[in-house]
Amino acid sequence: MARKATDLLDVFRYGGDEDENDPSQVVSSAQRRSKAKKKKKAAAKRAAGRKGFRGLILSQRQVVLAGSACCLLVVLSFVLGVTAGRPGSATTPSIQKDVSESSQWVVIQGEMPQVHPATQKALDPATVHGDIVRDYRIRTQNLRIREGAGVLILEVGPFRTDERARDFLRDSGLDMARLYGADPFLGARIVPFRR
């Protein structure tokens, strides 16, 4: 005769209203534990499968495209580096780095008042030097400023020839430079270089 489970433990142990004497219906605690372990292992495998490879898979076409872009960047950086460091030629005038014989060399000379016309304050030669170097990209050692009688004398150079000096003056935009209310290189002179 089938007996109804009245105890709470009987419900979980035997599965409810089943006959306790029927061995096919009885699940032992060892079997339940082994089933639970198998479920946990399967869940862990599924979770591990999801957390595995987190990289990026690229097709062959994408790899070739990325490699080409990298090569192009390397070539462009090399070309720009070589171009920036190239000394000037007859077609691209530049200030010469070294001066061996000073008698052959010339400089561009300009003048500006020592006092700012609007504020009537004295100009600091170091500030003027820094502004010209920054704005017109002249090497620091190629711009000299000295004080004269009420004026600042600006010298840019040296250059090998007068023609190169004039070309640099025009190409750099110094001939149109406006600094502190003055045009120092508007009437610039090309004079021999003196150390």
C-alpha atoms as a PDB file:
ATOM      1  CA  MET A   1       0.000   0.000   0.000  1.00  0.00           C
ATOM      2  CA  ALA A   2       1.298   3.431  -0.889  1.00  0.00           C
ATOM      3  CA  ARG A   3       1.928   5.654   2.005  1.00  0.00           C
ATOM      4  CA  LYS A   4       1.680   9.431   1.815  1.00  0.00           C
ATOM      5  CA  ALA A   5       4.727  11.319   2.955  1.00  0.00           C
ATOM      6  CA  THR A   6       3.875  13.317   6.000  1.00  0.00           C
ATOM      7  CA  ASP A   7       7.320  14.227   7.121  1.00  0.00           C
ATOM      8  CA  LEU A   8       9.154  17.030   5.264  1.00  0.00           C
ATOM      9  CA  LEU A   9      12.302  14.946   5.019  1.00  0.00           C
ATOM     10  CA  ASP A  10      10.341  12.127   3.423  1.00  0.00           C
ATOM     11  CA  VAL A  11       9.151  14.480   0.708  1.00  0.00           C
ATOM     12  CA  PHE A  12      12.690  15.342  -0.279  1.00  0.00           C
ATOM     13  CA  ARG A  13      14.138  11.931   0.349  1.00  0.00           C
ATOM     14  CA  TYR A  14      11.598   9.874  -1.558  1.00  0.00           C
ATOM     15  CA  GLY A  15      10.122  12.419  -3.880  1.00  0.00           C
ATOM     16  CA  GLY A  16       6.695  12.791  -2.364  1.00  0.00           C
ATOM     17  CA  ASP A  17       3.749  10.357  -2.602  1.00  0.00           C
ATOM     18  CA  GLU A  18       5.717   7.446  -3.964  1.00  0.00           C
ATOM     19  CA  ASP A  19       6.004   4.139  -2.316  1.00  0.00           C
ATOM     20  CA  GLU A  20       9.080   3.994  -0.120  1.00  0.00           C
ATOM     21  CA  ASN A  21       9.567   0.357  -0.762  1.00  0.00           C
ATOM     22  CA  ASP A  22       9.836   0.801  -4.551  1.00  0.00           C
ATOM     23  CA  PRO A  23      13.610   0.750  -5.207  1.00  0.00           C
ATOM     24  CA  SER A  24      13.215   2.169  -8.735  1.00  0.00           C
ATOM     25  CA  GLN A  25      11.736   5.360  -7.307  1.00  0.00           C
ATOM     26  CA  VAL A  26      14.275   5.849  -4.531  1.00  0.00           C
ATOM     27  CA  VAL A  27      17.238   8.128  -5.318  1.00  0.00           C
ATOM     28  CA  SER A  28      20.150   7.755  -2.983  1.00  0.00           C
ATOM     29  CA  SER A  29      21.983  10.778  -1.656  1.00  0.00           C
ATOM     30  CA  ALA A  30      25.207   9.543  -3.311  1.00  0.00           C
ATOM     31  CA  GLN A  31      23.489   9.547  -6.700  1.00  0.00           C
ATOM     32  CA  ARG A  32      22.127  13.036  -6.099  1.00  0.00           C
ATOM     33  CA  ARG A  33      25.577  14.301  -5.160  1.00  0.00           C
ATOM     34  CA  SER A  34      27.162  12.778  -8.248  1.00  0.00           C
ATOM     35  CA  LYS A  35      24.462  14.324 -10.484  1.00  0.00           C
ATOM     36  CA  ALA A  36      24.996  17.693  -8.812  1.00  0.00           C
ATOM     37  CA  LYS A  37      28.773  17.413  -9.346  1.00  0.00           C
ATOM     38  CA  LYS A  38      28.254  16.592 -13.023  1.00  0.00           C
ATOM     39  CA  LYS A  39      25.962  19.595 -13.449  1.00  0.00           C
ATOM     40  CA  LYS A  40      28.497  21.868 -11.763  1.00  0.00           C
ATOM     41  CA  LYS A  41      31.304  20.572 -13.995  1.00  0.00           C
ATOM     42  CA  ALA A  42      29.213  21.076 -17.121  1.00  0.00           C
ATOM     43  CA  ALA A  43      28.293  24.608 -16.036  1.00  0.00           C
ATOM     44  CA  ALA A  44      31.943  25.366 -15.272  1.00  0.00           C
ATOM     45  CA  LYS A  45      32.980  24.121 -18.728  1.00  0.00           C
ATOM     46  CA  ARG A  46      30.350  26.284 -20.413  1.00  0.00           C
ATOM     47  CA  ALA A  47      31.428  29.312 -18.376  1.00  0.00           C
ATOM     48  CA  ALA A  48      35.101  28.647 -19.150  1.00  0.00           C
ATOM     49  CA  GLY A  49      34.253  28.360 -22.824  1.00  0.00           C
ATOM     50  CA  ARG A  50      32.711  31.819 -22.724  1.00  0.00           C
ATOM     51  CA  LYS A  51      35.658  33.384 -20.869  1.00  0.00           C
ATOM     52  CA  GLY A  52      38.341  31.861 -23.081  1.00  0.00           C
ATOM     53  CA  PHE A  53      39.782  33.675 -26.087  1.00  0.00           C
ATOM     54  CA  ARG A  54      39.138  37.410 -26.003  1.00  0.00           C
ATOM     55  CA  GLY A  55      41.383  38.471 -28.890  1.00  0.00           C
ATOM     56  CA  LEU A  56      40.578  39.887 -32.279  1.00  0.00           C
ATOM     57  CA  ILE A  57      40.403  37.622 -35.276  1.00  0.00           C
ATOM     58  CA  LEU A  58      41.396  39.371 -38.504  1.00  0.00           C
ATOM     59  CA  SER A  59      40.992  38.188 -42.029  1.00  0.00           C
ATOM     60  CA  GLN A  60      43.973  38.038 -44.363  1.00  0.00           C
ATOM     61  CA  ARG A  61      42.778  41.149 -46.198  1.00  0.00           C
ATOM     62  CA  GLN A  62      42.653  43.146 -42.955  1.00  0.00           C
ATOM     63  CA  VAL A  63      46.159  42.044 -41.966  1.00  0.00           C
ATOM     64  CA  VAL A  64      47.552  43.115 -45.358  1.00  0.00           C
ATOM     65  CA  LEU A  65      45.781  46.470 -45.125  1.00  0.00           C
ATOM     66  CA  ALA A  66      47.101  47.135 -41.605  1.00  0.00           C
ATOM     67  CA  GLY A  67      50.643  46.158 -42.635  1.00  0.00           C
ATOM     68  CA  SER A  68      50.486  48.457 -45.655  1.00  0.00           C
ATOM     69  CA  ALA A  69      49.309  51.361 -43.499  1.00  0.00           C
ATOM     70  CA  CYS A  70      52.171  50.804 -41.034  1.00  0.00           C
ATOM     71  CA  CYS A  71      54.745  50.689 -43.847  1.00  0.00           C
ATOM     72  CA  LEU A  72      53.347  53.889 -45.330  1.00  0.00           C
ATOM     73  CA  LEU A  73      53.618  55.664 -41.971  1.00  0.00           C
ATOM     74  CA  VAL A  74      57.240  54.552 -41.556  1.00  0.00           C
ATOM     75  CA  VAL A  75      58.148  55.767 -45.059  1.00  0.00           C
ATOM     76  CA  LEU A  76      56.403  59.121 -44.539  1.00  0.00           C
ATOM     77  CA  SER A  77      58.106  59.706 -41.197  1.00  0.00           C
ATOM     78  CA  PHE A  78      61.484  58.910 -42.781  1.00  0.00           C
ATOM     79  CA  VAL A  79      60.879  61.280 -45.710  1.00  0.00           C
ATOM     80  CA  LEU A  80      59.704  64.092 -43.427  1.00  0.00           C
ATOM     81  CA  GLY A  81      62.692  63.595 -41.145  1.00  0.00           C
ATOM     82  CA  VAL A  82      65.142  63.711 -44.047  1.00  0.00           C
ATOM     83  CA  THR A  83      63.426  66.761 -45.528  1.00  0.00           C
ATOM     84  CA  ALA A  84      63.466  68.667 -42.245  1.00  0.00           C
ATOM     85  CA  GLY A  85      67.168  68.025 -41.708  1.00  0.00           C
ATOM     86  CA  ARG A  86      68.293  68.696 -45.268  1.00  0.00           C
ATOM     87  CA  PRO A  87      70.685  71.635 -45.764  1.00  0.00           C
ATOM     88  CA  GLY A  88      69.622  74.334 -48.205  1.00  0.00           C
ATOM     89  CA  SER A  89      70.586  74.442 -51.843  1.00  0.00           C
ATOM     90  CA  ALA A  90      70.394  77.174 -54.467  1.00  0.00           C
ATOM     91  CA  THR A  91      66.662  76.536 -54.893  1.00  0.00           C
ATOM     92  CA  THR A  92      65.880  76.255 -51.178  1.00  0.00           C
ATOM     93  CA  PRO A  93      67.808  78.913 -49.297  1.00  0.00           C
ATOM     94  CA  SER A  94      68.623  78.346 -45.674  1.00  0.00           C
ATOM     95  CA  ILE A  95      70.808  79.812 -43.026  1.00  0.00           C
ATOM     96  CA  GLN A  96      74.232  78.193 -43.002  1.00  0.00           C
ATOM     97  CA  LYS A  97      75.173  76.310 -39.852  1.00  0.00           C
ATOM     98  CA  ASP A  98      78.901  76.770 -39.958  1.00  0.00           C
ATOM     99  CA  VAL A  99      80.955  79.777 -40.916  1.00  0.00           C
ATOM    100  CA  SER A 100      84.569  79.205 -41.848  1.00  0.00           C
ATOM    101  CA  GLU A 101      85.590  82.403 -43.600  1.00  0.00           C
ATOM    102  CA  SER A 102      83.674  85.352 -42.220  1.00  0.00           C
ATOM    103  CA  SER A 103      84.807  87.720 -44.997  1.00  0.00           C
ATOM    104  CA  GLN A 104      82.601  85.990 -47.577  1.00  0.00           C
ATOM    105  CA  TRP A 105      79.454  85.884 -45.476  1.00  0.00           C
ATOM    106  CA  VAL A 106      76.619  88.398 -45.157  1.00  0.00           C
ATOM    107  CA  VAL A 107      73.762  89.002 -42.719  1.00  0.00           C
ATOM    108  CA  ILE A 108      70.338  90.614 -42.961  1.00  0.00           C
ATOM    109  CA  GLN A 109      70.272  93.690 -40.748  1.00  0.00           C
ATOM    110  CA  GLY A 110      67.132  95.428 -39.513  1.00  0.00           C
ATOM    111  CA  GLU A 111      66.363  98.053 -36.902  1.00  0.00           C
ATOM    112  CA  MET A 112      63.510  98.791 -34.547  1.00  0.00           C
ATOM    113  CA  PRO A 113      63.051 101.366 -31.793  1.00  0.00           C
ATOM    114  CA  GLN A 114      64.099 100.379 -28.294  1.00  0.00           C
ATOM    115  CA  VAL A 115      60.837 101.785 -26.918  1.00  0.00           C
ATOM    116  CA  HIS A 116      57.398 100.403 -27.791  1.00  0.00           C
ATOM    117  CA  PRO A 117      55.573 103.270 -29.565  1.00  0.00           C
ATOM    118  CA  ALA A 118      52.174 102.539 -27.985  1.00  0.00           C
ATOM    119  CA  THR A 119      53.156 101.829 -24.372  1.00  0.00           C
ATOM    120  CA  GLN A 120      56.381 103.886 -24.257  1.00  0.00           C
ATOM    121  CA  LYS A 121      58.079 101.041 -22.373  1.00  0.00           C
ATOM    122  CA  ALA A 122      61.576  99.801 -23.143  1.00  0.00           C
ATOM    123  CA  LEU A 123      61.702  96.538 -25.068  1.00  0.00           C
ATOM    124  CA  ASP A 124      63.632  93.610 -23.646  1.00  0.00           C
ATOM    125  CA  PRO A 125      66.046  92.246 -26.289  1.00  0.00           C
ATOM    126  CA  ALA A 126      65.654  88.696 -24.916  1.00  0.00           C
ATOM    127  CA  THR A 127      61.847  88.865 -25.337  1.00  0.00           C
ATOM    128  CA  VAL A 128      62.180  90.227 -28.891  1.00  0.00           C
ATOM    129  CA  HIS A 129      64.703  87.464 -29.677  1.00  0.00           C
ATOM    130  CA  GLY A 130      62.363  84.745 -28.370  1.00  0.00           C
ATOM    131  CA  ASP A 131      59.379  86.104 -30.321  1.00  0.00           C
ATOM    132  CA  ILE A 132      61.268  86.238 -33.637  1.00  0.00           C
ATOM    133  CA  VAL A 133      62.739  82.750 -33.161  1.00  0.00           C
ATOM    134  CA  ARG A 134      59.314  81.304 -32.338  1.00  0.00           C
ATOM    135  CA  ASP A 135      57.246  83.118 -34.967  1.00  0.00           C
ATOM    136  CA  TYR A 136      59.646  82.951 -37.922  1.00  0.00           C
ATOM    137  CA  ARG A 137      61.452  79.690 -37.096  1.00  0.00           C
ATOM    138  CA  ILE A 138      64.951  81.043 -37.116  1.00  0.00           C
ATOM    139  CA  ARG A 139      67.629  79.130 -35.266  1.00  0.00           C
ATOM    140  CA  THR A 140      68.511  80.749 -31.964  1.00  0.00           C
ATOM    141  CA  GLN A 141      72.192  81.038 -32.823  1.00  0.00           C
ATOM    142  CA  ASN A 142      71.411  82.726 -36.180  1.00  0.00           C
ATOM    143  CA  LEU A 143      69.654  85.761 -34.699  1.00  0.00           C
ATOM    144  CA  ARG A 144      71.654  88.381 -32.866  1.00  0.00           C
ATOM    145  CA  ILE A 145      70.208  91.498 -31.242  1.00  0.00           C
ATOM    146  CA  ARG A 146      72.366  94.358 -30.037  1.00  0.00           C
ATOM    147  CA  GLU A 147      71.504  97.763 -28.713  1.00  0.00           C
ATOM    148  CA  GLY A 148      72.409 100.890 -30.664  1.00  0.00           C
ATOM    149  CA  ALA A 149      71.624 104.569 -30.154  1.00  0.00           C
ATOM    150  CA  GLY A 150      67.932 104.324 -29.229  1.00  0.00           C
ATOM    151  CA  VAL A 151      67.389 101.311 -31.532  1.00  0.00           C
ATOM    152  CA  LEU A 152      67.705  97.560 -31.433  1.00  0.00           C
ATOM    153  CA  ILE A 153      69.816  96.208 -34.297  1.00  0.00           C
ATOM    154  CA  LEU A 154      68.643  92.782 -35.463  1.00  0.00           C
ATOM    155  CA  GLU A 155      70.958  90.560 -37.508  1.00  0.00           C
ATOM    156  CA  VAL A 156      69.845  87.301 -39.138  1.00  0.00           C
ATOM    157  CA  GLY A 157      72.359  85.026 -40.780  1.00  0.00           C
ATOM    158  CA  PRO A 158      75.036  84.412 -41.897  1.00  0.00           C
ATOM    159  CA  PHE A 159      74.437  83.620 -45.569  1.00  0.00           C
ATOM    160  CA  ARG A 160      76.960  82.787 -48.248  1.00  0.00           C
ATOM    161  CA  THR A 161      75.630  85.281 -50.833  1.00  0.00           C
ATOM    162  CA  ASP A 162      73.437  88.381 -50.978  1.00  0.00           C
ATOM    163  CA  GLU A 163      70.970  86.496 -53.164  1.00  0.00           C
ATOM    164  CA  ARG A 164      70.466  83.775 -50.569  1.00  0.00           C
ATOM    165  CA  ALA A 165      69.961  86.378 -47.880  1.00  0.00           C
ATOM    166  CA  ARG A 166      67.301  88.179 -49.953  1.00  0.00           C
ATOM    167  CA  ASP A 167      65.598  84.883 -50.787  1.00  0.00           C
ATOM    168  CA  PHE A 168      65.481  83.931 -47.113  1.00  0.00           C
ATOM    169  CA  LEU A 169      64.141  87.343 -46.148  1.00  0.00           C
ATOM    170  CA  ARG A 170      61.297  86.996 -48.658  1.00  0.00           C
ATOM    171  CA  ASP A 171      60.553  83.280 -48.134  1.00  0.00           C
ATOM    172  CA  SER A 172      60.504  83.432 -44.330  1.00  0.00           C
ATOM    173  CA  GLY A 173      58.200  86.458 -44.282  1.00  0.00           C
ATOM    174  CA  LEU A 174      60.655  88.567 -42.293  1.00  0.00           C
ATOM    175  CA  ASP A 175      60.368  91.408 -44.823  1.00  0.00           C
ATOM    176  CA  MET A 176      56.724  91.827 -43.726  1.00  0.00           C
ATOM    177  CA  ALA A 177      57.316  91.151 -40.007  1.00  0.00           C
ATOM    178  CA  ARG A 178      55.545  93.496 -37.610  1.00  0.00           C
ATOM    179  CA  LEU A 179      56.930  93.437 -34.073  1.00  0.00           C
ATOM    180  CA  TYR A 180      55.905  95.691 -31.206  1.00  0.00           C
ATOM    181  CA  GLY A 181      54.528  98.372 -33.525  1.00  0.00           C
ATOM    182  CA  ALA A 182      57.574  98.403 -35.817  1.00  0.00           C
ATOM    183  CA  ASP A 183      58.616  96.853 -39.149  1.00  0.00           C
ATOM    184  CA  PRO A 184      62.259  95.992 -38.435  1.00  0.00           C
ATOM    185  CA  PHE A 185      63.031  94.265 -41.730  1.00  0.00           C
ATOM    186  CA  LEU A 186      60.964  96.406 -44.098  1.00  0.00           C
ATOM    187  CA  GLY A 187      64.034  98.380 -45.142  1.00  0.00           C
ATOM    188  CA  ALA A 188      66.514  95.618 -44.299  1.00  0.00           C
ATOM    189  CA  ARG A 189      70.123  95.884 -45.430  1.00  0.00           C
ATOM    190  CA  ILE A 190      72.481  93.107 -46.467  1.00  0.00           C
ATOM    191  CA  VAL A 191      75.784  93.784 -44.739  1.00  0.00           C
ATOM    192  CA  PRO A 192      79.029  91.814 -44.356  1.00  0.00           C
ATOM    193  CA  PHE A 193      79.103  89.442 -41.420  1.00  0.00           C
ATOM    194  CA  ARG A 194      81.287  90.466 -38.485  1.00  0.00           C
ATOM    195  CA  ARG A 195      81.811  88.231 -35.495  1.00  0.00           C
END
